[in-house]
């Protein structure tokens, strides 16, 4: 809703080369990933369920993650404080771009 009192805040990071093993690489190329963390949660809430969409228009990459239970409590039963995916696409997909937009 439009109530700012009920807004959760998240931070995010793009990562490259996070995994250095064959299971997560395409050929010998490093992978690009994105992870996010719950920075703030409205008073009175212990957990939030979120959906995340990641869209990279320059390379026409799109992915969705559904029903992610997140919490700042530190108890994994309440949800995670940070999550993401470190192997979304090969870093070579960005080779022709001076800048990159999520």
N, C-alpha and C. Protein backbone atom coordinates (compact mmCIF):
# COMPACT_ATOMS: atom_id res chain seq x y z
N UNK A 1 0.84 -1.19 0.00
CA UNK A 1 0.00 0.00 0.00
C UNK A 1 0.87 1.24 0.00
N UNK A 2 0.26 2.43 0.06
CA UNK A 2 1.01 3.68 0.00
C UNK A 2 1.44 4.19 1.36
N UNK A 3 1.28 3.39 2.40
CA UNK A 3 1.62 3.79 3.75
C UNK A 3 3.13 3.59 3.97
N UNK A 4 3.88 4.70 4.11
CA UNK A 4 5.33 4.61 4.29
C UNK A 4 5.71 3.90 5.59
N UNK A 5 4.79 3.87 6.59
CA UNK A 5 5.07 3.18 7.85
C UNK A 5 5.21 1.68 7.63
N UNK A 6 4.71 1.17 6.54
CA UNK A 6 4.69 -0.27 6.28
C UNK A 6 5.71 -0.67 5.20
N UNK A 7 6.71 0.15 4.99
CA UNK A 7 7.67 -0.12 3.93
C UNK A 7 8.93 -0.80 4.49
N UNK A 8 9.31 -1.90 3.89
CA UNK A 8 10.58 -2.56 4.20
C UNK A 8 11.65 -1.99 3.28
N UNK A 9 12.88 -1.98 3.74
CA UNK A 9 13.99 -1.44 2.97
C UNK A 9 15.02 -2.54 2.72
N UNK A 10 15.54 -2.57 1.50
CA UNK A 10 16.50 -3.59 1.10
C UNK A 10 17.74 -2.94 0.50
N UNK A 11 18.86 -3.61 0.61
CA UNK A 11 20.08 -3.23 -0.07
C UNK A 11 20.46 -4.35 -1.01
N UNK A 12 21.25 -4.05 -2.01
CA UNK A 12 21.64 -5.09 -2.96
C UNK A 12 23.05 -4.90 -3.47
N UNK A 13 23.63 -5.98 -3.96
CA UNK A 13 24.97 -5.95 -4.52
C UNK A 13 25.03 -6.84 -5.75
N UNK A 14 25.72 -6.34 -6.77
CA UNK A 14 26.06 -7.16 -7.92
C UNK A 14 27.43 -7.76 -7.64
N UNK A 15 27.59 -9.03 -7.92
CA UNK A 15 28.85 -9.72 -7.68
C UNK A 15 29.31 -10.38 -8.98
N UNK A 16 30.61 -10.54 -9.10
CA UNK A 16 31.17 -11.23 -10.27
C UNK A 16 32.29 -12.14 -9.80
N UNK A 17 32.32 -13.34 -10.35
CA UNK A 17 33.37 -14.29 -10.03
C UNK A 17 33.28 -14.84 -8.62
N UNK A 18 32.09 -14.86 -8.06
CA UNK A 18 31.90 -15.32 -6.69
C UNK A 18 32.26 -16.78 -6.53
N UNK A 19 31.90 -17.60 -7.51
CA UNK A 19 32.24 -19.02 -7.48
C UNK A 19 33.40 -19.28 -8.43
N UNK A 20 34.33 -20.06 -7.98
CA UNK A 20 35.49 -20.39 -8.81
C UNK A 20 35.54 -21.89 -9.10
N UNK A 21 34.38 -22.50 -9.32
CA UNK A 21 34.36 -23.93 -9.59
C UNK A 21 33.51 -24.20 -10.83
N UNK A 22 33.74 -25.33 -11.45
CA UNK A 22 33.10 -25.67 -12.72
C UNK A 22 31.58 -25.77 -12.61
N UNK A 23 31.07 -26.10 -11.44
CA UNK A 23 29.62 -26.26 -11.27
C UNK A 23 28.86 -24.96 -11.55
N UNK A 24 29.47 -23.82 -11.24
CA UNK A 24 28.78 -22.54 -11.35
C UNK A 24 29.25 -21.69 -12.53
N UNK A 25 30.19 -22.16 -13.31
CA UNK A 25 30.71 -21.39 -14.42
C UNK A 25 30.21 -21.94 -15.75
N UNK A 26 30.17 -21.07 -16.74
CA UNK A 26 29.89 -21.47 -18.11
C UNK A 26 31.24 -21.51 -18.80
N UNK A 27 31.67 -22.68 -19.22
CA UNK A 27 33.04 -22.90 -19.71
C UNK A 27 33.98 -22.42 -18.61
N UNK A 28 34.91 -21.53 -18.91
CA UNK A 28 35.83 -21.00 -17.89
C UNK A 28 35.50 -19.56 -17.53
N UNK A 29 34.31 -19.12 -17.87
CA UNK A 29 33.95 -17.72 -17.67
C UNK A 29 33.34 -17.48 -16.30
N UNK A 30 33.70 -16.36 -15.70
CA UNK A 30 33.12 -15.97 -14.42
C UNK A 30 31.66 -15.60 -14.61
N UNK A 31 30.90 -15.75 -13.53
CA UNK A 31 29.48 -15.47 -13.58
C UNK A 31 29.16 -14.19 -12.80
N UNK A 32 28.08 -13.52 -13.23
CA UNK A 32 27.56 -12.33 -12.56
C UNK A 32 26.35 -12.75 -11.74
N UNK A 33 26.25 -12.21 -10.55
CA UNK A 33 25.12 -12.51 -9.69
C UNK A 33 24.62 -11.27 -8.98
N UNK A 34 23.56 -11.44 -8.22
CA UNK A 34 22.96 -10.34 -7.47
C UNK A 34 22.43 -10.90 -6.17
N UNK A 35 22.72 -10.23 -5.07
CA UNK A 35 22.13 -10.64 -3.81
C UNK A 35 21.59 -9.41 -3.09
N UNK A 36 20.65 -9.64 -2.22
CA UNK A 36 19.99 -8.54 -1.51
C UNK A 36 19.87 -8.90 -0.04
N UNK A 37 19.74 -7.84 0.77
CA UNK A 37 19.61 -8.00 2.22
C UNK A 37 18.50 -7.11 2.74
N UNK A 38 17.86 -7.58 3.76
CA UNK A 38 16.80 -6.82 4.42
C UNK A 38 17.46 -5.81 5.35
N UNK A 39 17.28 -4.51 5.08
CA UNK A 39 17.90 -3.46 5.88
C UNK A 39 17.00 -2.98 7.00
N UNK A 40 15.70 -2.90 6.73
CA UNK A 40 14.76 -2.42 7.74
C UNK A 40 13.40 -3.07 7.49
N UNK A 41 12.68 -3.29 8.56
CA UNK A 41 11.37 -3.93 8.50
C UNK A 41 10.42 -3.10 9.38
N UNK A 42 9.17 -2.94 9.00
CA UNK A 42 8.25 -2.13 9.80
C UNK A 42 8.10 -2.66 11.23
N UNK A 43 7.92 -1.74 12.16
CA UNK A 43 7.68 -2.12 13.55
C UNK A 43 6.50 -3.08 13.64
N UNK A 44 6.65 -4.07 14.49
CA UNK A 44 5.57 -5.04 14.69
C UNK A 44 5.64 -6.24 13.78
N UNK A 45 6.55 -6.21 12.80
CA UNK A 45 6.70 -7.34 11.88
C UNK A 45 7.96 -8.12 12.22
N UNK A 46 7.84 -9.44 12.27
CA UNK A 46 8.99 -10.30 12.51
C UNK A 46 9.58 -10.80 11.19
N UNK A 47 8.71 -11.05 10.21
CA UNK A 47 9.14 -11.55 8.91
C UNK A 47 8.36 -10.85 7.79
N UNK A 48 8.92 -10.91 6.60
CA UNK A 48 8.22 -10.46 5.40
C UNK A 48 8.43 -11.52 4.33
N UNK A 49 7.44 -11.73 3.50
CA UNK A 49 7.55 -12.60 2.33
C UNK A 49 7.66 -11.69 1.12
N UNK A 50 8.69 -11.89 0.32
CA UNK A 50 8.90 -11.01 -0.82
C UNK A 50 9.06 -11.80 -2.11
N UNK A 51 8.81 -11.13 -3.20
CA UNK A 51 9.13 -11.61 -4.55
C UNK A 51 10.12 -10.61 -5.13
N UNK A 52 11.09 -11.09 -5.88
CA UNK A 52 12.12 -10.23 -6.47
C UNK A 52 12.15 -10.46 -7.97
N UNK A 53 12.17 -9.35 -8.71
CA UNK A 53 12.34 -9.40 -10.15
C UNK A 53 13.63 -8.68 -10.48
N UNK A 54 14.47 -9.29 -11.29
CA UNK A 54 15.71 -8.67 -11.74
C UNK A 54 15.64 -8.57 -13.25
N UNK A 55 15.80 -7.35 -13.74
CA UNK A 55 15.72 -7.10 -15.18
C UNK A 55 16.93 -6.30 -15.61
N UNK A 56 17.62 -6.77 -16.61
CA UNK A 56 18.78 -6.11 -17.19
C UNK A 56 18.46 -5.83 -18.66
N UNK A 57 17.91 -4.65 -18.96
CA UNK A 57 17.44 -4.40 -20.32
C UNK A 57 18.53 -4.45 -21.39
N UNK A 58 19.75 -4.09 -21.06
CA UNK A 58 20.81 -4.05 -22.06
C UNK A 58 21.11 -5.43 -22.64
N UNK A 59 20.97 -6.47 -21.83
CA UNK A 59 21.26 -7.82 -22.31
C UNK A 59 20.00 -8.68 -22.35
N UNK A 60 18.85 -8.05 -22.14
CA UNK A 60 17.55 -8.73 -22.17
C UNK A 60 17.52 -9.93 -21.23
N UNK A 61 18.02 -9.71 -20.01
CA UNK A 61 18.00 -10.75 -18.98
C UNK A 61 16.91 -10.43 -17.97
N UNK A 62 16.10 -11.44 -17.65
CA UNK A 62 15.00 -11.26 -16.70
C UNK A 62 14.84 -12.54 -15.88
N UNK A 63 14.68 -12.38 -14.57
CA UNK A 63 14.46 -13.53 -13.70
C UNK A 63 13.60 -13.10 -12.52
N UNK A 64 12.86 -14.04 -11.98
CA UNK A 64 12.02 -13.79 -10.81
C UNK A 64 12.33 -14.83 -9.73
N UNK A 65 12.28 -14.38 -8.48
CA UNK A 65 12.38 -15.26 -7.33
C UNK A 65 11.12 -15.03 -6.50
N UNK A 66 10.44 -16.10 -6.12
CA UNK A 66 9.16 -15.97 -5.43
C UNK A 66 9.22 -16.50 -4.00
N UNK A 67 8.37 -15.91 -3.16
CA UNK A 67 8.13 -16.40 -1.79
C UNK A 67 9.40 -16.55 -0.97
N UNK A 68 10.15 -15.48 -0.87
CA UNK A 68 11.37 -15.47 -0.08
C UNK A 68 11.02 -14.92 1.30
N UNK A 69 11.19 -15.74 2.31
CA UNK A 69 10.89 -15.34 3.68
C UNK A 69 12.13 -14.67 4.27
N UNK A 70 11.99 -13.40 4.66
CA UNK A 70 13.13 -12.64 5.16
C UNK A 70 12.82 -12.06 6.54
N UNK A 71 13.88 -11.94 7.34
CA UNK A 71 13.76 -11.41 8.70
C UNK A 71 15.10 -10.85 9.14
N UNK A 72 15.07 -9.94 10.10
CA UNK A 72 16.30 -9.43 10.68
C UNK A 72 16.56 -10.05 12.04
N UNK A 73 15.79 -11.06 12.42
CA UNK A 73 15.87 -11.63 13.77
C UNK A 73 17.14 -12.44 14.02
N UNK A 74 17.76 -12.95 12.97
CA UNK A 74 18.92 -13.82 13.14
C UNK A 74 18.56 -15.28 13.32
N UNK A 75 17.27 -15.58 13.43
CA UNK A 75 16.79 -16.95 13.57
C UNK A 75 16.35 -17.44 12.19
N UNK A 76 17.00 -18.46 11.66
CA UNK A 76 16.67 -18.95 10.31
C UNK A 76 15.23 -19.43 10.19
N UNK A 77 14.60 -19.81 11.29
CA UNK A 77 13.19 -20.20 11.22
C UNK A 77 12.30 -19.01 10.87
N UNK A 78 12.77 -17.80 11.18
CA UNK A 78 12.02 -16.58 10.86
C UNK A 78 12.27 -16.13 9.43
N UNK A 79 13.31 -16.61 8.80
CA UNK A 79 13.68 -16.20 7.46
C UNK A 79 15.12 -15.74 7.43
N UNK A 80 15.61 -15.50 6.25
CA UNK A 80 17.01 -15.10 6.08
C UNK A 80 17.13 -13.58 6.08
N UNK A 81 18.28 -13.09 6.47
CA UNK A 81 18.54 -11.66 6.42
C UNK A 81 19.09 -11.22 5.09
N UNK A 82 19.72 -12.15 4.35
CA UNK A 82 20.23 -11.84 3.01
C UNK A 82 20.20 -13.11 2.17
N UNK A 83 20.03 -12.91 0.88
CA UNK A 83 19.95 -14.03 -0.04
C UNK A 83 20.19 -13.53 -1.46
N UNK A 84 20.20 -14.40 -2.40
CA UNK A 84 20.37 -14.02 -3.80
C UNK A 84 20.89 -15.19 -4.59
N UNK A 85 21.44 -14.87 -5.74
CA UNK A 85 21.97 -15.89 -6.63
C UNK A 85 23.26 -15.34 -7.22
N UNK A 86 24.34 -16.10 -7.10
CA UNK A 86 25.64 -15.61 -7.54
C UNK A 86 26.03 -16.05 -8.94
N UNK A 87 25.15 -16.77 -9.62
CA UNK A 87 25.47 -17.27 -10.97
C UNK A 87 24.30 -17.04 -11.92
N UNK A 88 24.02 -15.78 -12.22
CA UNK A 88 22.87 -15.48 -13.08
C UNK A 88 23.21 -15.57 -14.57
N UNK A 89 24.34 -15.00 -14.97
CA UNK A 89 24.73 -15.06 -16.38
C UNK A 89 26.24 -14.83 -16.49
N UNK A 90 26.85 -15.26 -17.61
CA UNK A 90 28.29 -15.09 -17.79
C UNK A 90 28.69 -13.62 -17.88
N UNK A 91 29.80 -13.27 -17.30
CA UNK A 91 30.27 -11.88 -17.30
C UNK A 91 30.51 -11.37 -18.72
N UNK A 92 30.79 -12.27 -19.65
CA UNK A 92 31.00 -11.89 -21.04
C UNK A 92 29.80 -11.23 -21.69
N UNK A 93 28.60 -11.45 -21.14
CA UNK A 93 27.39 -10.81 -21.67
C UNK A 93 27.47 -9.28 -21.55
N UNK A 94 28.36 -8.78 -20.68
CA UNK A 94 28.49 -7.33 -20.47
C UNK A 94 29.66 -6.72 -21.22
N UNK A 95 30.36 -7.52 -22.01
CA UNK A 95 31.61 -7.10 -22.65
C UNK A 95 31.46 -5.87 -23.54
N UNK A 96 30.32 -5.68 -24.17
CA UNK A 96 30.14 -4.57 -25.12
C UNK A 96 29.56 -3.31 -24.50
N UNK A 97 29.52 -3.24 -23.15
CA UNK A 97 28.87 -2.12 -22.49
C UNK A 97 29.84 -1.39 -21.57
N UNK A 98 29.86 -0.04 -21.69
CA UNK A 98 30.68 0.77 -20.79
C UNK A 98 29.99 0.93 -19.44
N UNK A 99 28.66 0.95 -19.44
CA UNK A 99 27.87 1.04 -18.21
C UNK A 99 26.84 -0.07 -18.23
N UNK A 100 26.31 -0.34 -17.08
CA UNK A 100 25.36 -1.45 -16.94
C UNK A 100 24.21 -1.01 -16.05
N UNK A 101 22.99 -1.38 -16.41
CA UNK A 101 21.80 -1.00 -15.66
C UNK A 101 21.04 -2.23 -15.24
N UNK A 102 20.64 -2.30 -13.95
CA UNK A 102 19.74 -3.34 -13.44
C UNK A 102 18.35 -2.82 -13.57
